[in-house]
Amino acid sequence: FLPSVPADASNPESVVVSVLNVSAVLGSQAVLPCKSHRMVWTQDRLNDRQRVVHWDVQSNYYGDNKMERLCDMYSAGDQRVYSSYNQGRILMPENAFVDGNFSLVIKGVAESDEGIYSCNLHHHYCHLYETEKIQLIITKKAKDVSEYWDGEKPVVVALEGSTVTLPCVNRNHIWTERHSEEEQQVVHWDRQPPGVPHDRADRLIDLYASGERRAYGPLFIRQKMNVTDSAFALGDFSLRISQLESADEGTYSCHLHHHYCGLHERRIYRVSVTEPVREKKVVNLTTHNVAPATNLFSFSLPSDPNVVRGHNVINVIIPESRMHFFQQLGYILATLLLFIVLLIIVVLVTRKRRQRGYEYNVKKYGEKDVNLKEFTVDTTDLTPHKSEDIRLDYKNNILKEKAEQARSFPAKNIDLDK
């Protein structure tokens, strides 16, 4: 919780000079720029030579219409007259920087004094430049002497040979007084959470030209929001917010007050926090020589630890080459050769199994013994007088039939002579 301090308590009439919308990524560092060269503080080591007044004249008397410096005076020094002709005849009041009267007195005016005079006030410390112009006309008739306004500048008509006073009065305190500048320069930062009006903004930081610094709020707020120590030396009062969070959103105000120079400015910043964008990176590698894997993905990533990185999707596109073509062709041929070898093995195994299925073992069935008990023999037809060894192990059926015929029908002897 931050103390509620009115934003313009020191000067309610501060002028808004800029309004800026700032969008930053969550977790990153945001910089709210607030710079002013008029707020640069340099201690006066030149006896207040920062304030000066000088008179110039633009005359066409000699036909050249040139600008000429007549005299000048510093707030802490004597006045200086540039032309020897004007020594003793032109002057300014010695107490000009006290009462604010910087009028120029010209004694014994002549026609050569006609022209447009300018009273120039410069405050180098406050970076202020003010100029007043007056036209001087010389006349030889007393009745023509007058003063009037021509719509742009005052005009003084003076009698030749008389003493003329060209008025230049500025009683602003910055020209008439010398303050302690470091005590009157202050910069402060305010923050308005969403929905909070400006007059109830929270004070963040106060900075003084004397070197004093005041920070408000909890410790983590003071650590993440800071302004550089050389702010008044550089005129840079930018607020840096580290490790952005959603709670840091709101309206920030930078107030610049230079009471000595009369400067009261306010700059407004509307801060919004967004989610990090997930980028898709496509990397094209156009080399024909394939690099090692260690060099193929050598990407330079951001080194800032405060930057939040999303998930990166990297697509690597490598162009094909001749070596890549032959390598793929070799894979295809090797696969085809392996398939052919397997097919040949399957065919050979199948044929061998078929040959084993139709093989006839002659030796096994030829050596089989015949059991005579399995046959029924009719002994009535046997011839008793025929004694012959019976062999039943014939090699074929034809021999067997011949043998049976010989046993059943004995051969008869026929005498052809009868």
Protein backbone atom coordinates (compact mmCIF):
# COMPACT_ATOMS: atom_id res chain seq x y z
CA PHE A 1 0.00 0.00 0.00
CA LEU A 2 1.45 3.35 -1.11
CA PRO A 3 0.74 6.62 0.68
CA SER A 4 -1.81 8.71 -1.09
CA VAL A 5 -0.14 12.05 -1.94
CA PRO A 6 -1.78 14.59 -4.27
CA ALA A 7 0.16 14.59 -7.52
CA ASP A 8 0.22 18.37 -7.85
CA ALA A 9 0.42 19.34 -4.20
CA SER A 10 3.58 21.36 -4.86
CA ASN A 11 2.16 23.14 -7.88
CA PRO A 12 -1.39 22.45 -9.04
CA GLU A 13 -0.83 24.48 -12.22
CA SER A 14 1.72 22.16 -13.82
CA VAL A 15 1.31 21.86 -17.56
CA VAL A 16 0.90 18.47 -19.29
CA VAL A 17 3.44 18.50 -22.13
CA SER A 18 3.12 14.90 -23.38
CA VAL A 19 0.97 11.76 -23.10
CA LEU A 20 2.56 8.45 -24.12
CA ASN A 21 1.19 4.89 -24.27
CA VAL A 22 3.78 2.29 -23.26
CA SER A 23 3.24 -1.42 -23.88
CA ALA A 24 5.77 -3.91 -22.47
CA VAL A 25 6.05 -7.69 -22.28
CA LEU A 26 5.41 -9.50 -19.03
CA GLY A 27 8.66 -10.02 -17.12
CA SER A 28 10.67 -7.52 -19.15
CA GLN A 29 12.00 -4.07 -18.22
CA ALA A 30 10.05 -0.93 -19.13
CA VAL A 31 11.63 2.52 -19.45
CA LEU A 32 9.40 5.58 -19.17
CA PRO A 33 11.42 8.39 -20.81
CA CYS A 34 11.37 11.74 -19.01
CA LYS A 35 14.09 14.17 -20.14
CA SER A 36 14.49 17.93 -19.95
CA HIS A 37 17.63 19.94 -20.63
CA ARG A 38 16.15 22.79 -18.62
CA MET A 39 16.37 20.67 -15.48
CA VAL A 40 20.11 20.06 -15.79
CA TRP A 41 21.70 21.47 -12.65
CA THR A 42 25.17 23.02 -12.80
CA GLN A 43 26.42 24.90 -9.82
CA ASP A 44 27.18 28.55 -10.54
CA ARG A 45 30.96 28.89 -10.41
CA LEU A 46 31.12 32.06 -12.57
CA ASN A 47 29.67 34.59 -10.12
CA ASP A 48 26.20 34.37 -11.63
CA ARG A 49 27.25 35.09 -15.21
CA GLN A 50 24.25 32.99 -16.25
CA ARG A 51 22.04 36.11 -16.61
CA VAL A 52 22.93 38.63 -19.27
CA VAL A 53 21.25 41.48 -21.14
CA HIS A 54 22.53 43.01 -24.37
CA TRP A 55 21.29 45.67 -26.78
CA ASP A 56 21.56 45.36 -30.56
CA VAL A 57 20.57 47.72 -33.36
CA GLN A 58 19.67 47.03 -36.97
CA SER A 59 20.35 50.18 -38.98
CA ASN A 60 20.13 51.03 -42.65
CA TYR A 61 21.83 54.39 -42.30
CA TYR A 62 24.92 53.29 -44.22
CA GLY A 63 22.90 51.20 -46.68
CA ASP A 64 24.11 47.82 -45.43
CA ASN A 65 21.16 47.03 -43.07
CA LYS A 66 23.46 45.19 -40.66
CA MET A 67 23.04 44.16 -37.05
CA GLU A 68 25.43 45.73 -34.54
CA ARG A 69 26.06 44.90 -30.88
CA LEU A 70 25.93 48.04 -28.75
CA CYS A 71 26.45 46.92 -25.15
CA ASP A 72 25.86 44.07 -22.71
CA MET A 73 25.86 43.50 -18.97
CA TYR A 74 25.99 40.44 -16.72
CA SER A 75 24.14 40.22 -13.45
CA ALA A 76 27.40 40.03 -11.50
CA GLY A 77 29.54 42.28 -13.67
CA ASP A 78 29.92 45.69 -15.21
CA GLN A 79 28.33 46.73 -18.46
CA ARG A 80 30.44 46.75 -21.59
CA VAL A 81 30.15 49.13 -24.56
CA TYR A 82 31.55 47.79 -27.82
CA SER A 83 32.11 50.97 -29.89
CA SER A 84 34.37 53.78 -28.76
CA TYR A 85 31.95 56.22 -30.38
CA ASN A 86 29.25 55.17 -27.92
CA GLN A 87 31.44 55.33 -24.83
CA GLY A 88 29.76 57.68 -22.38
CA ARG A 89 26.71 58.31 -24.57
CA ILE A 90 24.81 55.00 -24.09
CA LEU A 91 24.28 53.23 -20.79
CA MET A 92 21.96 51.00 -18.74
CA PRO A 93 21.04 51.36 -15.07
CA GLU A 94 23.62 49.79 -12.77
CA ASN A 95 20.91 48.15 -10.66
CA ALA A 96 19.16 46.63 -13.69
CA PHE A 97 19.19 43.08 -12.26
CA VAL A 98 17.80 44.34 -8.98
CA ASP A 99 14.72 46.29 -10.04
CA GLY A 100 14.30 44.70 -13.51
CA ASN A 101 14.79 47.93 -15.48
CA PHE A 102 17.02 47.21 -18.52
CA SER A 103 16.15 50.37 -20.49
CA LEU A 104 18.82 51.89 -22.74
CA VAL A 105 19.65 55.59 -22.43
CA ILE A 106 21.11 57.35 -25.50
CA LYS A 107 22.49 60.87 -25.10
CA GLY A 108 22.58 63.31 -27.99
CA VAL A 109 20.82 61.17 -30.57
CA ALA A 110 21.67 61.69 -34.24
CA GLU A 111 20.28 60.50 -37.53
CA SER A 112 22.82 57.64 -37.50
CA ASP A 113 21.05 56.29 -34.41
CA GLU A 114 17.87 55.51 -36.31
CA GLY A 115 16.97 51.83 -36.57
CA ILE A 116 15.29 48.92 -34.80
CA TYR A 117 16.73 48.23 -31.35
CA SER A 118 16.36 44.89 -29.56
CA CYS A 119 16.63 44.28 -25.83
CA ASN A 120 17.77 40.65 -25.34
CA LEU A 121 17.51 38.89 -21.99
CA HIS A 122 19.27 35.52 -21.68
CA HIS A 123 19.19 33.17 -18.70
CA HIS A 124 21.65 30.45 -19.61
CA TYR A 125 20.92 28.40 -16.52
CA CYS A 126 17.15 28.33 -17.07
CA HIS A 127 17.47 28.33 -20.87
CA LEU A 128 15.26 31.36 -21.16
CA TYR A 129 15.53 33.84 -24.03
CA GLU A 130 13.34 36.95 -24.22
CA THR A 131 13.56 39.76 -26.75
CA GLU A 132 11.82 43.11 -27.00
CA LYS A 133 12.12 45.30 -30.10
CA ILE A 134 11.78 49.11 -30.28
CA GLN A 135 12.04 51.33 -33.34
CA LEU A 136 13.76 54.72 -33.02
CA ILE A 137 13.02 57.53 -35.46
CA ILE A 138 14.91 60.85 -35.35
CA THR A 139 13.14 64.07 -36.26
CA LYS A 140 14.21 67.72 -36.39
CA LYS A 141 10.77 69.02 -35.43
CA ALA A 142 9.77 69.08 -31.80
CA LYS A 143 6.10 68.72 -32.63
CA ASP A 144 6.73 65.32 -34.20
CA VAL A 145 8.11 63.85 -30.98
CA SER A 146 5.88 60.97 -29.88
CA GLU A 147 5.58 57.33 -28.87
CA TYR A 148 3.09 54.86 -30.35
CA TRP A 149 2.47 51.19 -31.15
CA ASP A 150 2.59 50.12 -34.79
CA GLY A 151 0.93 46.72 -34.18
CA GLU A 152 4.22 44.79 -33.78
CA LYS A 153 6.51 46.94 -31.63
CA PRO A 154 6.65 50.31 -29.89
CA VAL A 155 7.95 53.28 -31.92
CA VAL A 156 9.79 56.24 -30.36
CA VAL A 157 10.12 59.47 -32.32
CA ALA A 158 12.85 61.61 -30.72
CA LEU A 159 14.20 65.05 -31.40
CA GLU A 160 17.68 65.15 -32.83
CA GLY A 161 20.30 65.97 -30.15
CA SER A 162 18.06 65.05 -27.23
CA THR A 163 18.38 62.24 -24.70
CA VAL A 164 16.21 59.21 -25.43
CA THR A 165 15.27 56.28 -23.18
CA LEU A 166 14.33 53.04 -24.92
CA PRO A 167 12.18 51.11 -22.40
CA CYS A 168 12.88 47.47 -21.49
CA VAL A 169 11.41 46.37 -18.18
CA ASN A 170 11.10 42.78 -16.90
CA ARG A 171 10.60 42.31 -13.17
CA ASN A 172 10.26 38.51 -13.18
CA HIS A 173 12.01 37.07 -10.15
CA ILE A 174 14.42 35.01 -12.25
CA TRP A 175 15.90 38.26 -13.59
CA THR A 176 15.89 40.17 -10.34
CA GLU A 177 16.75 37.60 -7.65
CA ARG A 178 19.37 34.95 -7.12
CA HIS A 179 18.03 31.87 -5.36
CA SER A 180 19.72 28.72 -4.20
CA GLU A 181 18.86 26.66 -7.26
CA GLU A 182 19.56 23.24 -5.80
CA GLU A 183 16.86 23.77 -3.17
CA GLN A 184 14.20 24.65 -5.72
CA GLN A 185 14.58 21.83 -8.25
CA VAL A 186 12.51 18.73 -7.60
CA VAL A 187 11.29 15.80 -9.68
CA HIS A 188 8.77 13.26 -8.53
CA TRP A 189 7.02 10.23 -10.02
CA ASP A 190 3.39 9.27 -9.29
CA ARG A 191 1.34 6.22 -10.19
CA GLN A 192 -2.42 5.85 -10.62
CA PRO A 193 -3.76 2.30 -10.51
CA PRO A 194 -6.59 1.62 -12.98
CA GLY A 195 -9.72 3.47 -11.91
CA VAL A 196 -7.96 5.85 -9.48
CA PRO A 197 -8.26 9.61 -10.19
CA HIS A 198 -5.22 11.81 -10.59
CA ASP A 199 -5.64 13.65 -7.29
CA ARG A 200 -5.36 10.32 -5.40
CA ALA A 201 -2.26 9.05 -7.17
CA ASP A 202 0.45 7.25 -5.20
CA ARG A 203 3.85 8.90 -4.81
CA LEU A 204 6.77 6.70 -5.93
CA ILE A 205 9.98 8.78 -5.89
CA ASP A 206 11.11 12.32 -4.99
CA LEU A 207 14.41 13.67 -6.35
CA TYR A 208 16.13 16.90 -5.38
CA ALA A 209 19.02 18.68 -7.09
CA SER A 210 20.83 18.74 -3.74
CA GLY A 211 21.17 14.95 -3.95
CA GLU A 212 18.36 14.03 -1.60
CA ARG A 213 16.23 11.09 -2.72
CA ARG A 214 13.03 9.75 -1.22
CA ALA A 215 11.35 6.50 -2.19
CA TYR A 216 7.91 5.45 -1.01
CA GLY A 217 6.04 2.20 -0.66
CA PRO A 218 7.16 -1.38 0.14
CA LEU A 219 10.73 -2.55 -0.36
CA PHE A 220 10.00 -4.57 -3.51
CA ILE A 221 8.45 -1.48 -5.10
CA ARG A 222 11.52 0.63 -4.28
CA GLN A 223 13.82 -2.05 -5.70
CA LYS A 224 12.05 -2.52 -9.02
CA MET A 225 11.34 1.17 -9.76
CA ASN A 226 14.31 3.51 -9.85
CA VAL A 227 15.83 6.59 -11.48
CA THR A 228 19.53 6.94 -12.27
CA ASP A 229 21.73 8.73 -9.71
CA SER A 230 23.04 11.15 -12.37
CA ALA A 231 19.55 12.38 -13.26
CA PHE A 232 20.18 16.09 -12.61
CA ALA A 233 23.59 15.99 -14.27
CA LEU A 234 22.15 14.51 -17.48
CA GLY A 235 18.63 15.88 -17.37
CA ASP A 236 17.38 12.27 -17.66
CA PHE A 237 14.72 11.38 -15.09
CA SER A 238 13.41 8.26 -16.86
CA LEU A 239 11.77 5.66 -14.63
CA ARG A 240 12.92 2.07 -15.08
CA ILE A 241 10.58 -0.72 -14.00
CA SER A 242 12.14 -4.18 -13.87
CA GLN A 243 10.36 -7.56 -13.90
CA LEU A 244 7.05 -6.21 -15.12
CA GLU A 245 3.90 -7.77 -13.70
CA SER A 246 0.22 -7.33 -14.44
CA ALA A 247 -0.09 -5.37 -11.19
CA ASP A 248 2.27 -2.71 -12.60
CA GLU A 249 -0.30 -1.51 -15.13
CA GLY A 250 -1.65 1.98 -14.65
CA THR A 251 -0.96 5.64 -15.36
CA TYR A 252 2.44 7.05 -14.40
CA SER A 253 3.31 10.77 -14.18
CA CYS A 254 6.69 12.51 -14.25
CA HIS A 255 6.56 15.96 -12.61
CA LEU A 256 9.37 18.45 -13.26
CA HIS A 257 9.43 21.51 -10.98
CA HIS A 258 12.06 24.20 -11.25
CA HIS A 259 10.80 26.90 -8.94
CA TYR A 260 13.70 29.19 -9.66
CA CYS A 261 13.19 29.06 -13.44
CA GLY A 262 9.41 28.89 -13.25
CA LEU A 263 9.26 25.44 -14.86
CA HIS A 264 6.31 23.19 -14.00
CA GLU A 265 5.75 20.34 -16.43
CA ARG A 266 4.04 16.97 -16.27
CA ARG A 267 4.44 13.98 -18.60
CA ILE A 268 1.89 11.15 -18.55
CA TYR A 269 2.52 7.47 -19.42
CA ARG A 270 -0.16 4.80 -19.73
CA VAL A 271 1.52 1.44 -19.13
CA SER A 272 0.01 -1.87 -20.26
CA VAL A 273 1.55 -5.33 -19.78
CA THR A 274 1.15 -7.99 -22.50
CA GLU A 275 1.90 -11.69 -22.69
CA PRO A 276 5.11 -12.69 -24.51
CA VAL A 277 4.62 -13.54 -28.18
CA ARG A 278 5.63 -17.04 -29.18
CA GLU A 279 7.61 -16.65 -32.35
CA LYS A 280 8.04 -19.29 -35.02
CA LYS A 281 11.46 -19.19 -36.56
CA VAL A 282 12.31 -20.74 -39.95
CA VAL A 283 16.01 -21.14 -40.67
CA ASN A 284 17.19 -21.81 -44.22
CA LEU A 285 20.57 -23.46 -44.59
CA THR A 286 21.67 -23.09 -48.23
CA THR A 287 25.04 -24.82 -47.99
CA HIS A 288 25.50 -28.06 -49.97
CA ASN A 289 27.99 -29.46 -47.47
CA VAL A 290 26.19 -30.79 -44.43
CA ALA A 291 27.76 -29.25 -41.36
CA PRO A 292 28.26 -31.11 -38.07
CA ALA A 293 25.34 -31.23 -35.72
CA THR A 294 27.08 -28.88 -33.30
CA ASN A 295 27.27 -26.13 -35.90
CA LEU A 296 23.89 -26.75 -37.46
CA PHE A 297 21.90 -25.15 -34.65
CA SER A 298 24.28 -22.46 -33.44
CA PHE A 299 21.70 -19.71 -32.88
CA SER A 300 22.47 -16.58 -30.89
CA LEU A 301 19.81 -16.19 -28.23
CA PRO A 302 19.22 -12.93 -26.32
CA SER A 303 21.49 -12.59 -23.31
CA ASP A 304 19.26 -10.30 -21.31
CA PRO A 305 18.10 -12.26 -18.23
CA ASN A 306 15.17 -9.90 -17.76
CA VAL A 307 13.60 -10.74 -21.09
CA VAL A 308 10.98 -13.51 -20.96
CA ARG A 309 11.32 -15.95 -23.81
CA GLY A 310 8.45 -18.03 -25.18
CA HIS A 311 8.59 -21.51 -26.67
CA ASN A 312 10.35 -21.31 -29.99
CA VAL A 313 9.52 -23.71 -32.81
CA ILE A 314 12.47 -24.08 -35.16
CA ASN A 315 12.05 -25.65 -38.60
CA VAL A 316 15.31 -26.51 -40.31
CA ILE A 317 15.12 -26.93 -44.09
CA ILE A 318 18.13 -28.67 -45.64
CA PRO A 319 18.28 -28.84 -49.47
CA GLU A 320 18.88 -32.21 -51.12
CA SER A 321 22.24 -33.02 -52.76
CA ARG A 322 23.68 -35.83 -54.93
CA MET A 323 25.14 -37.62 -51.94
CA HIS A 324 21.73 -37.62 -50.30
CA PHE A 325 20.16 -39.13 -53.49
CA PHE A 326 22.68 -42.00 -53.74
CA GLN A 327 22.30 -42.73 -50.06
CA GLN A 328 18.54 -43.16 -50.40
CA LEU A 329 19.02 -45.27 -53.57
CA GLY A 330 21.39 -47.59 -51.68
CA TYR A 331 18.78 -48.11 -48.95
CA ILE A 332 16.18 -49.09 -51.57
CA LEU A 333 18.49 -51.55 -53.41
CA ALA A 334 19.63 -53.23 -50.19
CA THR A 335 16.01 -53.75 -49.13
CA LEU A 336 15.11 -55.23 -52.52
CA LEU A 337 18.08 -57.64 -52.46
CA LEU A 338 17.15 -58.86 -49.00
CA PHE A 339 13.60 -59.54 -50.18
CA ILE A 340 14.83 -61.62 -53.16
CA VAL A 341 17.12 -63.75 -50.92
CA LEU A 342 14.25 -64.48 -48.54
CA LEU A 343 12.01 -65.46 -51.48
CA ILE A 344 14.61 -67.94 -52.84
CA ILE A 345 14.99 -69.60 -49.43
CA VAL A 346 11.22 -70.05 -49.13
CA VAL A 347 10.98 -71.68 -52.59
CA LEU A 348 13.81 -74.16 -51.89
CA VAL A 349 12.35 -75.24 -48.57
CA THR A 350 8.94 -75.79 -50.15
CA ARG A 351 10.29 -77.95 -52.98
CA LYS A 352 12.32 -80.12 -50.61
CA ARG A 353 9.28 -80.84 -48.48
CA ARG A 354 7.25 -81.84 -51.53
CA GLN A 355 9.96 -84.35 -52.67
CA ARG A 356 9.92 -85.99 -49.28
CA GLY A 357 6.14 -86.46 -49.43
CA TYR A 358 6.13 -88.43 -52.78
CA GLU A 359 9.23 -90.60 -52.19
CA TYR A 360 8.65 -94.40 -52.37
CA ASN A 361 10.96 -96.63 -50.34
CA VAL A 362 11.23 -99.82 -52.49
CA LYS A 363 13.66 -101.53 -50.21
CA LYS A 364 11.32 -101.31 -47.26
CA TYR A 365 8.34 -102.93 -49.00
CA GLY A 366 10.46 -105.52 -51.03
CA GLU A 367 12.01 -107.11 -47.96
CA LYS A 368 8.71 -107.70 -46.22
CA ASP A 369 8.28 -111.47 -45.12
CA VAL A 370 5.12 -113.37 -46.14
CA ASN A 371 3.32 -115.35 -43.45
CA LEU A 372 1.90 -118.62 -44.87
CA LYS A 373 -0.70 -118.80 -42.18
CA GLU A 374 -2.53 -115.97 -43.81
CA PHE A 375 -3.37 -118.11 -46.87
CA THR A 376 -5.88 -121.05 -47.03
CA VAL A 377 -4.61 -123.99 -49.07
CA ASP A 378 -6.88 -126.78 -50.52
CA THR A 379 -4.91 -129.99 -50.15
CA THR A 380 -7.37 -132.17 -52.18
CA ASP A 381 -6.02 -130.89 -55.45
CA LEU A 382 -2.43 -131.64 -54.64
CA THR A 383 -0.80 -134.49 -56.52
CA PRO A 384 0.76 -136.91 -54.06
CA HIS A 385 3.33 -138.39 -56.48
CA LYS A 386 4.69 -134.96 -57.40
CA SER A 387 7.34 -134.03 -54.94
CA GLU A 388 8.76 -130.66 -55.57
CA ASP A 389 9.89 -127.92 -53.35
CA ILE A 390 7.37 -125.15 -53.19
CA ARG A 391 8.75 -121.66 -53.37
CA LEU A 392 6.34 -118.90 -52.71
CA ASP A 393 8.69 -116.00 -52.74
CA TYR A 394 8.31 -115.18 -56.42
CA LYS A 395 9.45 -111.97 -57.83
CA ASN A 396 6.26 -111.32 -59.76
CA ASN A 397 2.75 -112.67 -60.41
CA ILE A 398 3.56 -114.21 -63.81
CA LEU A 399 6.04 -116.72 -62.39
CA LYS A 400 3.62 -117.53 -59.65
CA GLU A 401 0.86 -118.37 -62.11
CA LYS A 402 3.17 -120.61 -64.13
CA ALA A 403 4.15 -122.48 -61.05
CA GLU A 404 0.54 -123.10 -60.06
CA GLN A 405 -0.32 -124.41 -63.51
CA ALA A 406 2.56 -126.85 -63.35
CA ARG A 407 1.36 -128.22 -60.06
CA SER A 408 -2.31 -128.50 -60.99
CA PHE A 409 -2.02 -129.88 -64.54
CA PRO A 410 0.83 -132.27 -64.87
CA ALA A 411 2.23 -132.65 -68.30
CA LYS A 412 0.92 -135.57 -70.44
CA ASN A 413 2.98 -137.60 -72.78
CA ILE A 414 1.23 -137.95 -76.12
CA ASP A 415 2.41 -140.53 -78.69
CA LEU A 416 1.94 -139.07 -82.09
CA ASP A 417 2.61 -142.40 -83.90
CA LYS A 418 -0.55 -143.96 -82.70
